[in-house]
Amino acid sequence: MTRPRVLLMAAIFASAASYGSAQQPGRVMSGASMIEHDADVATNEPGTHNGGGMTVGYSFFKNAPGLNLVFRKRALKPGSGIGYHEQKEDEIYYVLSGKGVLTLDGKPYDVGPGAAILTRPGSSHGLKQVGTEDLVILINYEVKPVR
């Protein structure tokens, strides 16, 4: 299985696992494994890459030692966005809810629940929330190991 497909599958499984499951507060650790919950990692943040407006960012496992994978959820509030920027690494967005307009290499595309977007190095993209409800996405990409 290719790396982008593995990243997408991880994002989908994590998303599906959070629906309908019993939620317990706080971080749970078992050996090197972890469970984190939205409420424990949620942070109000401006739209990334100068996208404007306000969002809620959920950076899961950001303090997990040796994890070279970023797994986030972002709720883009009405009128907010992720600013148009050049991509430096493979990145996957998966839309959980809401409506948005993704600009990919200068062309606009309507996106909504169930849309998966792969952006590759050298491409450019931005995402704008449209409609009345939050645009909620999962974001997944690799980072270089810290030495």
Protein backbone atom coordinates (compact mmCIF):
# COMPACT_ATOMS: atom_id res chain seq x y z
CA MET A 1 0.00 0.00 0.00
CA THR A 2 1.37 3.43 -0.91
CA ARG A 3 2.24 5.91 1.85
CA PRO A 4 -0.58 8.40 0.97
CA ARG A 5 -3.11 5.55 1.04
CA VAL A 6 -1.79 4.40 4.43
CA LEU A 7 -2.09 7.96 5.78
CA LEU A 8 -5.64 8.27 4.46
CA MET A 9 -6.66 4.92 5.94
CA ALA A 10 -5.24 5.95 9.32
CA ALA A 11 -7.25 9.16 9.20
CA ILE A 12 -10.48 7.40 8.23
CA PHE A 13 -10.13 4.69 10.87
CA ALA A 14 -9.35 7.22 13.59
CA SER A 15 -12.36 9.28 12.55
CA ALA A 16 -14.69 6.29 12.47
CA ALA A 17 -13.43 5.04 15.82
CA SER A 18 -14.36 8.32 17.50
CA TYR A 19 -18.04 8.09 16.51
CA GLY A 20 -20.27 6.23 18.92
CA SER A 21 -17.47 5.17 21.25
CA ALA A 22 -17.45 5.76 24.97
CA GLN A 23 -15.44 8.91 25.64
CA GLN A 24 -13.35 9.20 28.76
CA PRO A 25 -11.58 12.41 29.76
CA GLY A 26 -7.84 12.90 29.56
CA ARG A 27 -4.99 11.12 27.83
CA VAL A 28 -4.75 7.36 28.22
CA MET A 29 -1.37 5.72 27.77
CA SER A 30 -0.56 2.05 27.51
CA GLY A 31 3.15 1.49 26.96
CA ALA A 32 3.98 3.67 23.96
CA SER A 33 0.37 3.83 22.73
CA MET A 34 -1.97 6.73 23.47
CA ILE A 35 -5.61 7.78 23.33
CA GLU A 36 -6.46 11.47 23.17
CA HIS A 37 -9.85 13.21 22.99
CA ASP A 38 -11.03 16.35 21.21
CA ALA A 39 -11.80 18.20 24.44
CA ASP A 40 -8.26 17.70 25.74
CA VAL A 41 -6.40 19.02 22.68
CA ALA A 42 -8.79 21.65 21.24
CA THR A 43 -7.24 25.09 20.68
CA ASN A 44 -8.86 28.21 19.23
CA GLU A 45 -6.58 29.41 16.43
CA PRO A 46 -6.69 31.82 13.49
CA GLY A 47 -7.02 30.29 10.03
CA THR A 48 -3.65 28.77 9.15
CA HIS A 49 -1.42 30.10 6.36
CA ASN A 50 -3.12 33.52 6.81
CA GLY A 51 -6.48 32.04 5.86
CA GLY A 52 -8.45 34.43 8.08
CA GLY A 53 -11.24 33.90 10.54
CA MET A 54 -11.15 31.56 13.52
CA THR A 55 -10.78 27.81 13.67
CA VAL A 56 -10.53 25.14 16.32
CA GLY A 57 -7.40 23.01 15.91
CA TYR A 58 -7.02 19.54 17.38
CA SER A 59 -3.38 18.40 17.28
CA PHE A 60 -3.43 14.77 18.30
CA PHE A 61 -0.28 13.05 19.58
CA LYS A 62 1.93 16.10 19.06
CA ASN A 63 3.98 15.13 22.12
CA ALA A 64 4.30 11.44 21.25
CA PRO A 65 8.01 10.59 21.19
CA GLY A 66 9.35 9.44 17.83
CA LEU A 67 6.08 9.94 15.94
CA ASN A 68 6.87 11.32 12.49
CA LEU A 69 3.22 11.69 11.57
CA VAL A 70 0.97 14.71 12.06
CA PHE A 71 -2.69 13.91 12.68
CA ARG A 72 -5.00 16.89 13.17
CA LYS A 73 -8.61 17.81 13.00
CA ARG A 74 -9.58 21.38 12.20
CA ALA A 75 -13.02 22.99 12.46
CA LEU A 76 -13.14 26.03 10.21
CA LYS A 77 -15.73 28.47 11.54
CA PRO A 78 -17.98 30.39 9.10
CA GLY A 79 -15.86 32.65 6.92
CA SER A 80 -12.51 31.15 7.93
CA GLY A 81 -9.97 29.35 5.82
CA ILE A 82 -6.58 27.84 5.26
CA GLY A 83 -4.65 30.32 3.13
CA TYR A 84 -3.36 29.45 -0.33
CA HIS A 85 0.17 28.07 -0.02
CA GLU A 86 2.71 25.84 -1.74
CA GLN A 87 2.84 22.29 -0.44
CA LYS A 88 6.20 20.98 0.84
CA GLU A 89 5.22 17.36 1.61
CA ASP A 90 2.42 14.92 0.79
CA GLU A 91 -0.64 16.00 2.76
CA ILE A 92 -4.15 14.57 2.98
CA TYR A 93 -7.33 16.42 3.93
CA TYR A 94 -10.51 14.46 4.60
CA VAL A 95 -13.79 16.36 4.96
CA LEU A 96 -15.98 15.14 7.82
CA SER A 97 -18.73 17.78 7.65
CA GLY A 98 -19.63 21.17 6.25
CA LYS A 99 -18.95 22.75 2.88
CA GLY A 100 -15.85 24.34 1.45
CA VAL A 101 -14.14 25.55 -1.67
CA LEU A 102 -10.70 24.08 -2.23
CA THR A 103 -8.44 26.00 -4.58
CA LEU A 104 -5.94 23.53 -6.01
CA ASP A 105 -3.28 24.85 -8.37
CA GLY A 106 -5.43 27.89 -9.08
CA LYS A 107 -8.71 26.02 -9.79
CA PRO A 108 -11.67 26.04 -7.37
CA TYR A 109 -13.44 22.79 -6.37
CA ASP A 110 -16.48 22.38 -4.12
CA VAL A 111 -15.79 19.90 -1.30
CA GLY A 112 -18.01 18.36 1.35
CA PRO A 113 -18.37 15.28 3.55
CA GLY A 114 -16.54 12.26 2.19
CA ALA A 115 -14.11 14.22 0.00
CA ALA A 116 -10.47 13.17 0.32
CA ILE A 117 -7.81 15.54 -1.02
CA LEU A 118 -4.18 14.62 -1.62
CA THR A 119 -1.79 17.52 -2.21
CA ARG A 120 1.73 16.74 -3.43
CA PRO A 121 4.98 18.68 -3.08
CA GLY A 122 5.14 21.57 -5.53
CA SER A 123 1.37 21.99 -5.81
CA SER A 124 -0.48 24.87 -4.15
CA HIS A 125 -3.80 24.88 -2.34
CA GLY A 126 -6.07 26.76 0.03
CA LEU A 127 -9.43 25.95 1.59
CA LYS A 128 -12.29 28.30 2.45
CA GLN A 129 -15.30 27.42 4.60
CA VAL A 130 -18.63 28.26 2.93
CA GLY A 131 -22.17 27.77 4.19
CA THR A 132 -23.58 28.03 7.69
CA GLU A 133 -21.94 25.15 9.55
CA ASP A 134 -18.31 24.54 10.46
CA LEU A 135 -16.17 22.83 7.84
CA VAL A 136 -14.51 19.98 9.76
CA ILE A 137 -11.51 18.25 8.23
CA LEU A 138 -8.86 15.71 9.18
CA ILE A 139 -5.29 16.58 8.18
CA ASN A 140 -2.50 14.03 7.91
CA TYR A 141 1.13 14.32 6.80
CA GLU A 142 4.62 13.10 7.67
CA VAL A 143 7.35 15.19 9.25
CA LYS A 144 11.08 14.62 9.22
CA PRO A 145 12.41 12.89 12.33
CA VAL A 146 13.84 15.21 14.98
CA ARG A 147 17.50 14.43 15.60
